[in-house]
Each structure stands twice: as C-alpha cells, then as structure tokens.
Amino acid sequence: MDSAILNQLRGGYCRLNAYLFKIGQVDSELCEYGNKETVEHFLLECPRWDAHRKRRRKREELEKLTVTRMCGAYSSEKLDGPIEKWRPTMQTVREAISYVKDIGRLDARTTN
C-alpha cells in the first residue's frame, strides 16, 4: 500500500479533485477552500490539513518541503546539492506516506 500511495503522489493520478475532474469523476477541480486540489496543494498548502502538517513538522521544516522531496526524488542543486552526492531522505518519504494514510484523503473508501 505504501508504494501505491507514493506512486499516486509522484504521478498525480490520485483521488484529488484536480485529477478526478480531469477524468470526469467530479464537477470541480477545487478543494473546499476554492483552490485547485493538486498533490502539492494537498500535501503543502490546503488549510483543511494545516493541523495535520503542524503536528508532524516544525514551521521551518515545512517551509523547506517540496512534493518532490516528500516523494523521495531529487529537486534541484539549489535545494538538494549536487546530484552526485544526493540521497533521498527516507524519513521524509515515510512521513509523507503516514500523513496521507492518517488523513485518508486518497483512500477509495472515503470521500472528500
């Protein structure tokens, strides 16, 4: 299940409104706060999940996160340093998966 969540987040093919709207499953690509519900919005920005994010990370750590980093991929030399020396931060990846599981937003058995 963890790999399925990670693949959904990496590809954007998941039960978030931006994708569901694209495939005709919902009437709007927006979250309940009126923003396009993308993976980035869900993981890093949506006010609905602020409390979940804040429980898991300090403010300064949250400001450094990107979807790419949360999914265990290289972002850029500016953020991650030289690619030759880069290694994914597996703790961050595990925390992202745990966050998604706790919320249940991508679970087919739940609704928005």
PDB file of N, CA and C in Angstrom:
ATOM      1  N   MET A   1       0.819  -1.191   0.000  1.00  0.00           N
ATOM      2  CA  MET A   1       0.000   0.000   0.000  1.00  0.00           C
ATOM      3  C   MET A   1       0.866   1.260   0.000  1.00  0.00           C
ATOM      4  N   ASP A   2       1.993   1.235   0.707  1.00  0.00           N
ATOM      5  CA  ASP A   2       2.861   2.409   0.748  1.00  0.00           C
ATOM      6  C   ASP A   2       3.369   2.774  -0.637  1.00  0.00           C
ATOM      7  N   SER A   3       3.769   1.776  -1.414  1.00  0.00           N
ATOM      8  CA  SER A   3       4.269   2.060  -2.755  1.00  0.00           C
ATOM      9  C   SER A   3       3.153   2.612  -3.645  1.00  0.00           C
ATOM     10  N   ALA A   4       1.929   2.143  -3.453  1.00  0.00           N
ATOM     11  CA  ALA A   4       0.798   2.667  -4.237  1.00  0.00           C
ATOM     12  C   ALA A   4       0.564   4.142  -3.909  1.00  0.00           C
ATOM     13  N   ILE A   5       0.626   4.499  -2.640  1.00  0.00           N
ATOM     14  CA  ILE A   5       0.454   5.897  -2.241  1.00  0.00           C
ATOM     15  C   ILE A   5       1.565   6.742  -2.845  1.00  0.00           C
ATOM     16  N   LEU A   6       2.784   6.280  -2.736  1.00  0.00           N
ATOM     17  CA  LEU A   6       3.925   7.024  -3.268  1.00  0.00           C
ATOM     18  C   LEU A   6       3.796   7.213  -4.773  1.00  0.00           C
ATOM     19  N   ASN A   7       3.389   6.186  -5.486  1.00  0.00           N
ATOM     20  CA  ASN A   7       3.199   6.302  -6.933  1.00  0.00           C
ATOM     21  C   ASN A   7       2.083   7.282  -7.279  1.00  0.00           C
ATOM     22  N   GLN A   8       1.010   7.274  -6.518  1.00  0.00           N
ATOM     23  CA  GLN A   8      -0.076   8.225  -6.753  1.00  0.00           C
ATOM     24  C   GLN A   8       0.407   9.657  -6.561  1.00  0.00           C
ATOM     25  N   LEU A   9       1.160   9.880  -5.501  1.00  0.00           N
ATOM     26  CA  LEU A   9       1.663  11.224  -5.236  1.00  0.00           C
ATOM     27  C   LEU A   9       2.645  11.673  -6.309  1.00  0.00           C
ATOM     28  N   ARG A  10       3.527  10.780  -6.712  1.00  0.00           N
ATOM     29  CA  ARG A  10       4.520  11.132  -7.730  1.00  0.00           C
ATOM     30  C   ARG A  10       3.880  11.441  -9.068  1.00  0.00           C
ATOM     31  N   GLY A  11       2.890  10.656  -9.462  1.00  0.00           N
ATOM     32  CA  GLY A  11       2.276  10.823 -10.775  1.00  0.00           C
ATOM     33  C   GLY A  11       1.098  11.781 -10.812  1.00  0.00           C
ATOM     34  N   GLY A  12       0.518  12.047  -9.655  1.00  0.00           N
ATOM     35  CA  GLY A  12      -0.653  12.916  -9.621  1.00  0.00           C
ATOM     36  C   GLY A  12      -1.943  12.228 -10.008  1.00  0.00           C
ATOM     37  N   TYR A  13      -1.882  10.921 -10.234  1.00  0.00           N
ATOM     38  CA  TYR A  13      -3.069  10.150 -10.597  1.00  0.00           C
ATOM     39  C   TYR A  13      -3.683   9.580  -9.328  1.00  0.00           C
ATOM     40  N   CYS A  14      -4.453  10.411  -8.651  1.00  0.00           N
ATOM     41  CA  CYS A  14      -4.972  10.000  -7.355  1.00  0.00           C
ATOM     42  C   CYS A  14      -6.335  10.642  -7.105  1.00  0.00           C
ATOM     43  N   ARG A  15      -6.914  10.325  -5.979  1.00  0.00           N
ATOM     44  CA  ARG A  15      -8.265  10.759  -5.650  1.00  0.00           C
ATOM     45  C   ARG A  15      -8.325  12.194  -5.150  1.00  0.00           C
ATOM     46  N   LEU A  16      -7.606  13.079  -5.805  1.00  0.00           N
ATOM     47  CA  LEU A  16      -7.697  14.511  -5.521  1.00  0.00           C
ATOM     48  C   LEU A  16      -8.479  15.147  -6.663  1.00  0.00           C
ATOM     49  N   ASN A  17      -9.179  16.218  -6.363  1.00  0.00           N
ATOM     50  CA  ASN A  17     -10.125  16.779  -7.323  1.00  0.00           C
ATOM     51  C   ASN A  17      -9.516  17.214  -8.653  1.00  0.00           C
ATOM     52  N   ALA A  18      -8.256  17.665  -8.674  1.00  0.00           N
ATOM     53  CA  ALA A  18      -7.645  18.068  -9.948  1.00  0.00           C
ATOM     54  C   ALA A  18      -7.633  16.894 -10.926  1.00  0.00           C
ATOM     55  N   TYR A  19      -7.271  15.723 -10.451  1.00  0.00           N
ATOM     56  CA  TYR A  19      -7.251  14.545 -11.315  1.00  0.00           C
ATOM     57  C   TYR A  19      -8.666  14.014 -11.559  1.00  0.00           C
ATOM     58  N   LEU A  20      -9.476  13.928 -10.521  1.00  0.00           N
ATOM     59  CA  LEU A  20     -10.844  13.409 -10.683  1.00  0.00           C
ATOM     60  C   LEU A  20     -11.656  14.268 -11.658  1.00  0.00           C
ATOM     61  N   PHE A  21     -11.437  15.571 -11.633  1.00  0.00           N
ATOM     62  CA  PHE A  21     -12.107  16.471 -12.571  1.00  0.00           C
ATOM     63  C   PHE A  21     -11.632  16.193 -13.997  1.00  0.00           C
ATOM     64  N   LYS A  22     -10.344  15.977 -14.144  1.00  0.00           N
ATOM     65  CA  LYS A  22      -9.750  15.712 -15.460  1.00  0.00           C
ATOM     66  C   LYS A  22     -10.356  14.466 -16.101  1.00  0.00           C
ATOM     67  N   ILE A  23     -10.690  13.471 -15.294  1.00  0.00           N
ATOM     68  CA  ILE A  23     -11.255  12.224 -15.842  1.00  0.00           C
ATOM     69  C   ILE A  23     -12.788  12.174 -15.732  1.00  0.00           C
ATOM     70  N   GLY A  24     -13.394  13.310 -15.385  1.00  0.00           N
ATOM     71  CA  GLY A  24     -14.850  13.409 -15.380  1.00  0.00           C
ATOM     72  C   GLY A  24     -15.563  12.771 -14.201  1.00  0.00           C
ATOM     73  N   GLN A  25     -14.876  12.608 -13.087  1.00  0.00           N
ATOM     74  CA  GLN A  25     -15.486  11.961 -11.921  1.00  0.00           C
ATOM     75  C   GLN A  25     -16.072  12.942 -10.906  1.00  0.00           C
ATOM     76  N   VAL A  26     -15.678  14.200 -10.965  1.00  0.00           N
ATOM     77  CA  VAL A  26     -16.234  15.239 -10.093  1.00  0.00           C
ATOM     78  C   VAL A  26     -16.510  16.478 -10.928  1.00  0.00           C
ATOM     79  N   ASP A  27     -17.323  17.377 -10.405  1.00  0.00           N
ATOM     80  CA  ASP A  27     -17.732  18.572 -11.137  1.00  0.00           C
ATOM     81  C   ASP A  27     -16.737  19.723 -11.046  1.00  0.00           C
ATOM     82  N   SER A  28     -15.797  19.647 -10.121  1.00  0.00           N
ATOM     83  CA  SER A  28     -14.855  20.751  -9.938  1.00  0.00           C
ATOM     84  C   SER A  28     -13.486  20.227  -9.529  1.00  0.00           C
ATOM     85  N   GLU A  29     -12.452  20.925  -9.966  1.00  0.00           N
ATOM     86  CA  GLU A  29     -11.090  20.550  -9.576  1.00  0.00           C
ATOM     87  C   GLU A  29     -10.674  21.229  -8.279  1.00  0.00           C
ATOM     88  N   LEU A  30     -11.585  21.959  -7.652  1.00  0.00           N
ATOM     89  CA  LEU A  30     -11.254  22.748  -6.473  1.00  0.00           C
ATOM     90  C   LEU A  30     -11.494  21.996  -5.168  1.00  0.00           C
ATOM     91  N   CYS A  31     -10.693  22.338  -4.173  1.00  0.00           N
ATOM     92  CA  CYS A  31     -10.917  21.821  -2.823  1.00  0.00           C
ATOM     93  C   CYS A  31     -12.015  22.665  -2.176  1.00  0.00           C
ATOM     94  N   GLU A  32     -12.390  22.329  -0.960  1.00  0.00           N
ATOM     95  CA  GLU A  32     -13.454  23.064  -0.285  1.00  0.00           C
ATOM     96  C   GLU A  32     -13.072  24.515   0.022  1.00  0.00           C
ATOM     97  N   TYR A  33     -11.785  24.857  -0.102  1.00  0.00           N
ATOM     98  CA  TYR A  33     -11.324  26.227   0.134  1.00  0.00           C
ATOM     99  C   TYR A  33     -11.175  27.014  -1.163  1.00  0.00           C
ATOM    100  N   GLY A  34     -11.547  26.420  -2.287  1.00  0.00           N
ATOM    101  CA  GLY A  34     -11.553  27.126  -3.558  1.00  0.00           C
ATOM    102  C   GLY A  34     -10.240  27.119  -4.321  1.00  0.00           C
ATOM    103  N   ASN A  35      -9.326  26.246  -3.948  1.00  0.00           N
ATOM    104  CA  ASN A  35      -8.047  26.131  -4.645  1.00  0.00           C
ATOM    105  C   ASN A  35      -8.008  24.837  -5.442  1.00  0.00           C
ATOM    106  N   LYS A  36      -7.261  24.852  -6.534  1.00  0.00           N
ATOM    107  CA  LYS A  36      -7.108  23.636  -7.332  1.00  0.00           C
ATOM    108  C   LYS A  36      -6.452  22.571  -6.457  1.00  0.00           C
ATOM    109  N   GLU A  37      -7.137  21.441  -6.303  1.00  0.00           N
ATOM    110  CA  GLU A  37      -6.667  20.395  -5.396  1.00  0.00           C
ATOM    111  C   GLU A  37      -5.687  19.463  -6.107  1.00  0.00           C
ATOM    112  N   THR A  38      -4.436  19.909  -6.157  1.00  0.00           N
ATOM    113  CA  THR A  38      -3.345  19.121  -6.712  1.00  0.00           C
ATOM    114  C   THR A  38      -2.621  18.402  -5.580  1.00  0.00           C
ATOM    115  N   VAL A  39      -1.673  17.572  -5.924  1.00  0.00           N
ATOM    116  CA  VAL A  39      -0.861  16.901  -4.904  1.00  0.00           C
ATOM    117  C   VAL A  39      -0.123  17.936  -4.067  1.00  0.00           C
ATOM    118  N   GLU A  40       0.471  18.928  -4.717  1.00  0.00           N
ATOM    119  CA  GLU A  40       1.193  19.967  -3.984  1.00  0.00           C
ATOM    120  C   GLU A  40       0.268  20.706  -3.018  1.00  0.00           C
ATOM    121  N   HIS A  41      -0.910  21.070  -3.493  1.00  0.00           N
ATOM    122  CA  HIS A  41      -1.863  21.770  -2.629  1.00  0.00           C
ATOM    123  C   HIS A  41      -2.255  20.893  -1.438  1.00  0.00           C
ATOM    124  N   PHE A  42      -2.561  19.648  -1.708  1.00  0.00           N
ATOM    125  CA  PHE A  42      -2.954  18.711  -0.654  1.00  0.00           C
ATOM    126  C   PHE A  42      -1.852  18.522   0.385  1.00  0.00           C
ATOM    127  N   LEU A  43      -0.638  18.272  -0.073  1.00  0.00           N
ATOM    128  CA  LEU A  43       0.454  17.984   0.861  1.00  0.00           C
ATOM    129  C   LEU A  43       0.984  19.213   1.594  1.00  0.00           C
ATOM    130  N   LEU A  44       1.002  20.364   0.929  1.00  0.00           N
ATOM    131  CA  LEU A  44       1.734  21.502   1.481  1.00  0.00           C
ATOM    132  C   LEU A  44       0.919  22.753   1.777  1.00  0.00           C
ATOM    133  N   GLU A  45      -0.249  22.915   1.167  1.00  0.00           N
ATOM    134  CA  GLU A  45      -0.903  24.217   1.225  1.00  0.00           C
ATOM    135  C   GLU A  45      -2.322  24.250   1.785  1.00  0.00           C
ATOM    136  N   CYS A  46      -3.115  23.227   1.567  1.00  0.00           N
ATOM    137  CA  CYS A  46      -4.543  23.310   1.879  1.00  0.00           C
ATOM    138  C   CYS A  46      -4.780  23.565   3.372  1.00  0.00           C
ATOM    139  N   PRO A  47      -5.528  24.621   3.675  1.00  0.00           N
ATOM    140  CA  PRO A  47      -5.824  24.937   5.075  1.00  0.00           C
ATOM    141  C   PRO A  47      -6.545  23.806   5.812  1.00  0.00           C
ATOM    142  N   ARG A  48      -7.274  22.987   5.064  1.00  0.00           N
ATOM    143  CA  ARG A  48      -8.010  21.891   5.697  1.00  0.00           C
ATOM    144  C   ARG A  48      -7.077  20.962   6.469  1.00  0.00           C
ATOM    145  N   TRP A  49      -5.836  20.819   6.010  1.00  0.00           N
ATOM    146  CA  TRP A  49      -4.903  19.861   6.600  1.00  0.00           C
ATOM    147  C   TRP A  49      -3.781  20.529   7.398  1.00  0.00           C
ATOM    148  N   ASP A  50      -3.904  21.819   7.670  1.00  0.00           N
ATOM    149  CA  ASP A  50      -2.865  22.546   8.423  1.00  0.00           C
ATOM    150  C   ASP A  50      -2.521  21.878   9.750  1.00  0.00           C
ATOM    151  N   ALA A  51      -3.512  21.501  10.508  1.00  0.00           N
ATOM    152  CA  ALA A  51      -3.264  20.909  11.830  1.00  0.00           C
ATOM    153  C   ALA A  51      -2.465  19.614  11.709  1.00  0.00           C
ATOM    154  N   HIS A  52      -2.780  18.807  10.705  1.00  0.00           N
ATOM    155  CA  HIS A  52      -2.037  17.560  10.490  1.00  0.00           C
ATOM    156  C   HIS A  52      -0.578  17.852  10.172  1.00  0.00           C
ATOM    157  N   ARG A  53      -0.358  18.832   9.295  1.00  0.00           N
ATOM    158  CA  ARG A  53       1.021  19.176   8.922  1.00  0.00           C
ATOM    159  C   ARG A  53       1.797  19.713  10.120  1.00  0.00           C
ATOM    160  N   LYS A  54       1.181  20.586  10.874  1.00  0.00           N
ATOM    161  CA  LYS A  54       1.866  21.228  12.005  1.00  0.00           C
ATOM    162  C   LYS A  54       2.202  20.236  13.111  1.00  0.00           C
ATOM    163  N   ARG A  55       1.373  19.220  13.286  1.00  0.00           N
ATOM    164  CA  ARG A  55       1.678  18.195  14.292  1.00  0.00           C
ATOM    165  C   ARG A  55       2.915  17.397  13.911  1.00  0.00           C
ATOM    166  N   ARG A  56       3.158  17.285  12.639  1.00  0.00           N
ATOM    167  CA  ARG A  56       4.246  16.446  12.152  1.00  0.00           C
ATOM    168  C   ARG A  56       5.569  17.186  11.984  1.00  0.00           C
ATOM    169  N   ARG A  57       5.524  18.451  11.729  1.00  0.00           N
ATOM    170  CA  ARG A  57       6.742  19.189  11.390  1.00  0.00           C
ATOM    171  C   ARG A  57       6.777  20.571  12.031  1.00  0.00           C
ATOM    172  N   LYS A  58       7.972  21.038  12.294  1.00  0.00           N
ATOM    173  CA  LYS A  58       8.152  22.415  12.740  1.00  0.00           C
ATOM    174  C   LYS A  58       7.946  23.338  11.552  1.00  0.00           C
ATOM    175  N   ARG A  59       7.558  24.573  11.822  1.00  0.00           N
ATOM    176  CA  ARG A  59       7.282  25.543  10.751  1.00  0.00           C
ATOM    177  C   ARG A  59       8.444  25.674   9.763  1.00  0.00           C
ATOM    178  N   GLU A  60       9.666  25.812  10.282  1.00  0.00           N
ATOM    179  CA  GLU A  60      10.806  25.989   9.384  1.00  0.00           C
ATOM    180  C   GLU A  60      11.062  24.762   8.525  1.00  0.00           C
ATOM    181  N   GLU A  61      10.736  23.584   9.039  1.00  0.00           N
ATOM    182  CA  GLU A  61      10.877  22.377   8.233  1.00  0.00           C
ATOM    183  C   GLU A  61       9.820  22.329   7.141  1.00  0.00           C
ATOM    184  N   LEU A  62       8.601  22.756   7.468  1.00  0.00           N
ATOM    185  CA  LEU A  62       7.523  22.765   6.477  1.00  0.00           C
ATOM    186  C   LEU A  62       7.857  23.681   5.315  1.00  0.00           C
ATOM    187  N   GLU A  63       8.495  24.805   5.602  1.00  0.00           N
ATOM    188  CA  GLU A  63       8.818  25.767   4.555  1.00  0.00           C
ATOM    189  C   GLU A  63       9.843  25.222   3.569  1.00  0.00           C
ATOM    190  N   LYS A  64      10.637  24.249   3.967  1.00  0.00           N
ATOM    191  CA  LYS A  64      11.664  23.675   3.099  1.00  0.00           C
ATOM    192  C   LYS A  64      11.147  22.503   2.270  1.00  0.00           C
ATOM    193  N   LEU A  65       9.975  21.991   2.575  1.00  0.00           N
ATOM    194  CA  LEU A  65       9.468  20.813   1.891  1.00  0.00           C
ATOM    195  C   LEU A  65       8.949  21.134   0.493  1.00  0.00           C
ATOM    196  N   THR A  66       9.153  20.197  -0.391  1.00  0.00           N
ATOM    197  CA  THR A  66       8.559  20.224  -1.722  1.00  0.00           C
ATOM    198  C   THR A  66       7.918  18.858  -1.948  1.00  0.00           C
ATOM    199  N   VAL A  67       7.018  18.776  -2.882  1.00  0.00           N
ATOM    200  CA  VAL A  67       6.406  17.485  -3.213  1.00  0.00           C
ATOM    201  C   VAL A  67       7.485  16.523  -3.682  1.00  0.00           C
ATOM    202  N   THR A  68       8.397  17.019  -4.476  1.00  0.00           N
ATOM    203  CA  THR A  68       9.479  16.175  -4.979  1.00  0.00           C
ATOM    204  C   THR A  68      10.263  15.561  -3.835  1.00  0.00           C
ATOM    205  N   ARG A  69      10.638  16.386  -2.879  1.00  0.00           N
ATOM    206  CA  ARG A  69      11.404  15.899  -1.726  1.00  0.00           C
ATOM    207  C   ARG A  69      10.574  14.916  -0.897  1.00  0.00           C
ATOM    208  N   MET A  70       9.291  15.212  -0.703  1.00  0.00           N
ATOM    209  CA  MET A  70       8.433  14.331   0.089  1.00  0.00           C
ATOM    210  C   MET A  70       8.254  12.969  -0.584  1.00  0.00           C
ATOM    211  N   CYS A  71       8.394  12.942  -1.911  1.00  0.00           N
ATOM    212  CA  CYS A  71       8.247  11.684  -2.657  1.00  0.00           C
ATOM    213  C   CYS A  71       9.581  10.991  -2.897  1.00  0.00           C
ATOM    214  N   GLY A  72      10.640  11.510  -2.309  1.00  0.00           N
ATOM    215  CA  GLY A  72      11.936  10.851  -2.389  1.00  0.00           C
ATOM    216  C   GLY A  72      12.688  11.062  -3.678  1.00  0.00           C
ATOM    217  N   ALA A  73      12.410  12.162  -4.361  1.00  0.00           N
ATOM    218  CA  ALA A  73      13.091  12.439  -5.625  1.00  0.00           C
ATOM    219  C   ALA A  73      13.965  13.692  -5.500  1.00  0.00           C
ATOM    220  N   TYR A  74      14.883  13.833  -6.402  1.00  0.00           N
ATOM    221  CA  TYR A  74      15.799  14.971  -6.435  1.00  0.00           C
ATOM    222  C   TYR A  74      15.056  16.201  -6.927  1.00  0.00           C
ATOM    223  N   SER A  75      15.216  17.331  -6.231  1.00  0.00           N
ATOM    224  CA  SER A  75      14.546  18.572  -6.620  1.00  0.00           C
ATOM    225  C   SER A  75      15.426  19.415  -7.533  1.00  0.00           C
ATOM    226  N   SER A  76      16.508  19.920  -6.986  1.00  0.00           N
ATOM    227  CA  SER A  76      17.411  20.784  -7.741  1.00  0.00           C
ATOM    228  C   SER A  76      18.714  20.913  -6.973  1.00  0.00           C
ATOM    229  N   GLU A  77      19.725  21.396  -7.647  1.00  0.00           N
ATOM    230  CA  GLU A  77      21.010  21.574  -6.981  1.00  0.00           C
ATOM    231  C   GLU A  77      20.886  22.613  -5.866  1.00  0.00           C
ATOM    232  N   LYS A  78      20.077  23.632  -6.097  1.00  0.00           N
ATOM    233  CA  LYS A  78      19.881  24.672  -5.079  1.00  0.00           C
ATOM    234  C   LYS A  78      19.289  24.086  -3.792  1.00  0.00           C
ATOM    235  N   LEU A  79      18.315  23.211  -3.918  1.00  0.00           N
ATOM    236  CA  LEU A  79      17.656  22.629  -2.750  1.00  0.00           C
ATOM    237  C   LEU A  79      18.378  21.416  -2.179  1.00  0.00           C
ATOM    238  N   ASP A  80      18.892  20.567  -3.062  1.00  0.00           N
ATOM    239  CA  ASP A  80      19.419  19.277  -2.631  1.00  0.00           C
ATOM    240  C   ASP A  80      20.928  19.116  -2.776  1.00  0.00           C
ATOM    241  N   GLY A  81      21.601  20.106  -3.340  1.00  0.00           N
ATOM    242  CA  GLY A  81      23.037  19.984  -3.561  1.00  0.00           C
ATOM    243  C   GLY A  81      23.321  19.196  -4.828  1.00  0.00           C
ATOM    244  N   PRO A  82      24.590  18.877  -5.051  1.00  0.00           N
ATOM    245  CA  PRO A  82      24.961  18.142  -6.270  1.00  0.00           C
ATOM    246  C   PRO A  82      24.279  16.783  -6.333  1.00  0.00           C
ATOM    247  N   ILE A  83      23.781  16.452  -7.485  1.00  0.00           N
ATOM    248  CA  ILE A  83      23.046  15.197  -7.633  1.00  0.00           C
ATOM    249  C   ILE A  83      23.940  13.985  -7.344  1.00  0.00           C
ATOM    250  N   GLU A  84      25.236  14.127  -7.595  1.00  0.00           N
ATOM    251  CA  GLU A  84      26.151  13.014  -7.356  1.00  0.00           C
ATOM    252  C   GLU A  84      26.209  12.635  -5.877  1.00  0.00           C
ATOM    253  N   LYS A  85      25.969  13.591  -4.996  1.00  0.00           N
ATOM    254  CA  LYS A  85      26.046  13.355  -3.551  1.00  0.00           C
ATOM    255  C   LYS A  85      24.674  13.183  -2.899  1.00  0.00           C
ATOM    256  N   TRP A  86      23.616  13.368  -3.693  1.00  0.00           N
ATOM    257  CA  TRP A  86      22.256  13.368  -3.151  1.00  0.00           C
ATOM    258  C   TRP A  86      21.779  11.953  -2.829  1.00  0.00           C
ATOM    259  N   ARG A  87      21.040  11.846  -1.737  1.00  0.00           N
ATOM    260  CA  ARG A  87      20.348  10.614  -1.354  1.00  0.00           C
ATOM    261  C   ARG A  87      18.959  11.018  -0.848  1.00  0.00           C
ATOM    262  N   PRO A  88      17.930  10.238  -1.152  1.00  0.00           N
ATOM    263  CA  PRO A  88      16.604  10.587  -0.641  1.00  0.00           C
ATOM    264  C   PRO A  88      16.564  10.512   0.884  1.00  0.00           C
ATOM    265  N   THR A  89      15.769  11.366   1.471  1.00  0.00           N
ATOM    266  CA  THR A  89      15.570  11.342   2.909  1.00  0.00           C
ATOM    267  C   THR A  89      14.372  10.439   3.172  1.00  0.00           C
ATOM    268  N   MET A  90      14.642   9.185   3.480  1.00  0.00           N
ATOM    269  CA  MET A  90      13.573   8.204   3.609  1.00  0.00           C
ATOM    270  C   MET A  90      12.637   8.521   4.764  1.00  0.00           C
ATOM    271  N   GLN A  91      13.126   9.180   5.785  1.00  0.00           N
ATOM    272  CA  GLN A  91      12.245   9.573   6.890  1.00  0.00           C
ATOM    273  C   GLN A  91      11.167  10.531   6.378  1.00  0.00           C
ATOM    274  N   THR A  92      11.543  11.450   5.508  1.00  0.00           N
ATOM    275  CA  THR A  92      10.575  12.391   4.938  1.00  0.00           C
ATOM    276  C   THR A  92       9.560  11.652   4.068  1.00  0.00           C
ATOM    277  N   VAL A  93      10.015  10.688   3.294  1.00  0.00           N
ATOM    278  CA  VAL A  93       9.115   9.894   2.451  1.00  0.00           C
ATOM    279  C   VAL A  93       8.138   9.109   3.326  1.00  0.00           C
ATOM    280  N   ARG A  94       8.658   8.458   4.364  1.00  0.00           N
ATOM    281  CA  ARG A  94       7.786   7.692   5.272  1.00  0.00           C
ATOM    282  C   ARG A  94       6.774   8.607   5.959  1.00  0.00           C
ATOM    283  N   GLU A  95       7.206   9.801   6.341  1.00  0.00           N
ATOM    284  CA  GLU A  95       6.289  10.745   6.987  1.00  0.00           C
ATOM    285  C   GLU A  95       5.203  11.204   6.024  1.00  0.00           C
ATOM    286  N   ALA A  96       5.557  11.414   4.770  1.00  0.00           N
ATOM    287  CA  ALA A  96       4.555  11.814   3.772  1.00  0.00           C
ATOM    288  C   ALA A  96       3.510  10.718   3.598  1.00  0.00           C
ATOM    289  N   ILE A  97       3.957   9.482   3.508  1.00  0.00           N
ATOM    290  CA  ILE A  97       3.029   8.349   3.358  1.00  0.00           C
ATOM    291  C   ILE A  97       2.152   8.223   4.603  1.00  0.00           C
ATOM    292  N   SER A  98       2.748   8.371   5.766  1.00  0.00           N
ATOM    293  CA  SER A  98       1.993   8.297   7.016  1.00  0.00           C
ATOM    294  C   SER A  98       0.946   9.412   7.095  1.00  0.00           C
ATOM    295  N   TYR A  99       1.321  10.606   6.687  1.00  0.00           N
ATOM    296  CA  TYR A  99       0.405  11.764   6.649  1.00  0.00           C
ATOM    297  C   TYR A  99      -0.806  11.452   5.772  1.00  0.00           C
ATOM    298  N   VAL A 100      -0.545  10.916   4.583  1.00  0.00           N
ATOM    299  CA  VAL A 100      -1.629  10.578   3.658  1.00  0.00           C
ATOM    300  C   VAL A 100      -2.529   9.499   4.259  1.00  0.00           C
ATOM    301  N   LYS A 101      -1.931   8.492   4.873  1.00  0.00           N
ATOM    302  CA  LYS A 101      -2.720   7.424   5.495  1.00  0.00           C
ATOM    303  C   LYS A 101      -3.574   7.967   6.644  1.00  0.00           C
ATOM    304  N   ASP A 102      -2.986   8.813   7.489  1.00  0.00           N
ATOM    305  CA  ASP A 102      -3.721   9.375   8.627  1.00  0.00           C
ATOM    306  C   ASP A 102      -4.946  10.157   8.180  1.00  0.00           C
ATOM    307  N   ILE A 103      -4.776  10.936   7.126  1.00  0.00           N
ATOM    308  CA  ILE A 103      -5.875  11.763   6.633  1.00  0.00           C
ATOM    309  C   ILE A 103      -6.916  10.916   5.914  1.00  0.00           C
ATOM    310  N   GLY A 104      -6.456   9.922   5.156  1.00  0.00           N
ATOM    311  CA  GLY A 104      -7.373   9.055   4.429  1.00  0.00           C
ATOM    312  C   GLY A 104      -7.928   9.657   3.155  1.00  0.00           C
ATOM    313  N   ARG A 105      -7.407  10.805   2.737  1.00  0.00           N
ATOM    314  CA  ARG A 105      -7.958  11.516   1.582  1.00  0.00           C
ATOM    315  C   ARG A 105      -7.816  10.748   0.274  1.00  0.00           C
ATOM    316  N   LEU A 106      -6.812   9.913   0.140  1.00  0.00           N
ATOM    317  CA  LEU A 106      -6.628   9.171  -1.110  1.00  0.00           C
ATOM    318  C   LEU A 106      -7.277   7.797  -1.076  1.00  0.00           C
ATOM    319  N   ASP A 107      -7.858   7.440   0.044  1.00  0.00           N
ATOM    320  CA  ASP A 107      -8.483   6.135   0.220  1.00  0.00           C
ATOM    321  C   ASP A 107      -9.783   6.079  -0.570  1.00  0.00           C
ATOM    322  N   ALA A 108      -9.951   5.066  -1.379  1.00  0.00           N
ATOM    323  CA  ALA A 108     -11.143   4.915  -2.211  1.00  0.00           C
ATOM    324  C   ALA A 108     -12.414   4.753  -1.387  1.00  0.00           C
ATOM    325  N   ARG A 109     -12.281   4.369  -0.129  1.00  0.00           N
ATOM    326  CA  ARG A 109     -13.461   4.161   0.712  1.00  0.00           C
ATOM    327  C   ARG A 109     -13.958   5.441   1.358  1.00  0.00           C
ATOM    328  N   THR A 110     -13.194   6.543   1.194  1.00  0.00           N
ATOM    329  CA  THR A 110     -13.616   7.814   1.789  1.00  0.00           C
ATOM    330  C   THR A 110     -13.967   8.810   0.712  1.00  0.00           C
ATOM    331  N   THR A 111     -14.670   9.832   1.084  1.00  0.00           N
ATOM    332  CA  THR A 111     -14.977  10.929   0.183  1.00  0.00           C
ATOM    333  C   THR A 111     -14.271  12.171   0.711  1.00  0.00           C
ATOM    334  N   ASN A 112     -14.391  13.253  -0.023  1.00  0.00           N
ATOM    335  CA  ASN A 112     -13.726  14.489   0.376  1.00  0.00           C
ATOM    336  C   ASN A 112     -13.962  14.729   1.826  1.00  0.00           C
TER     337      ASN A 112
END
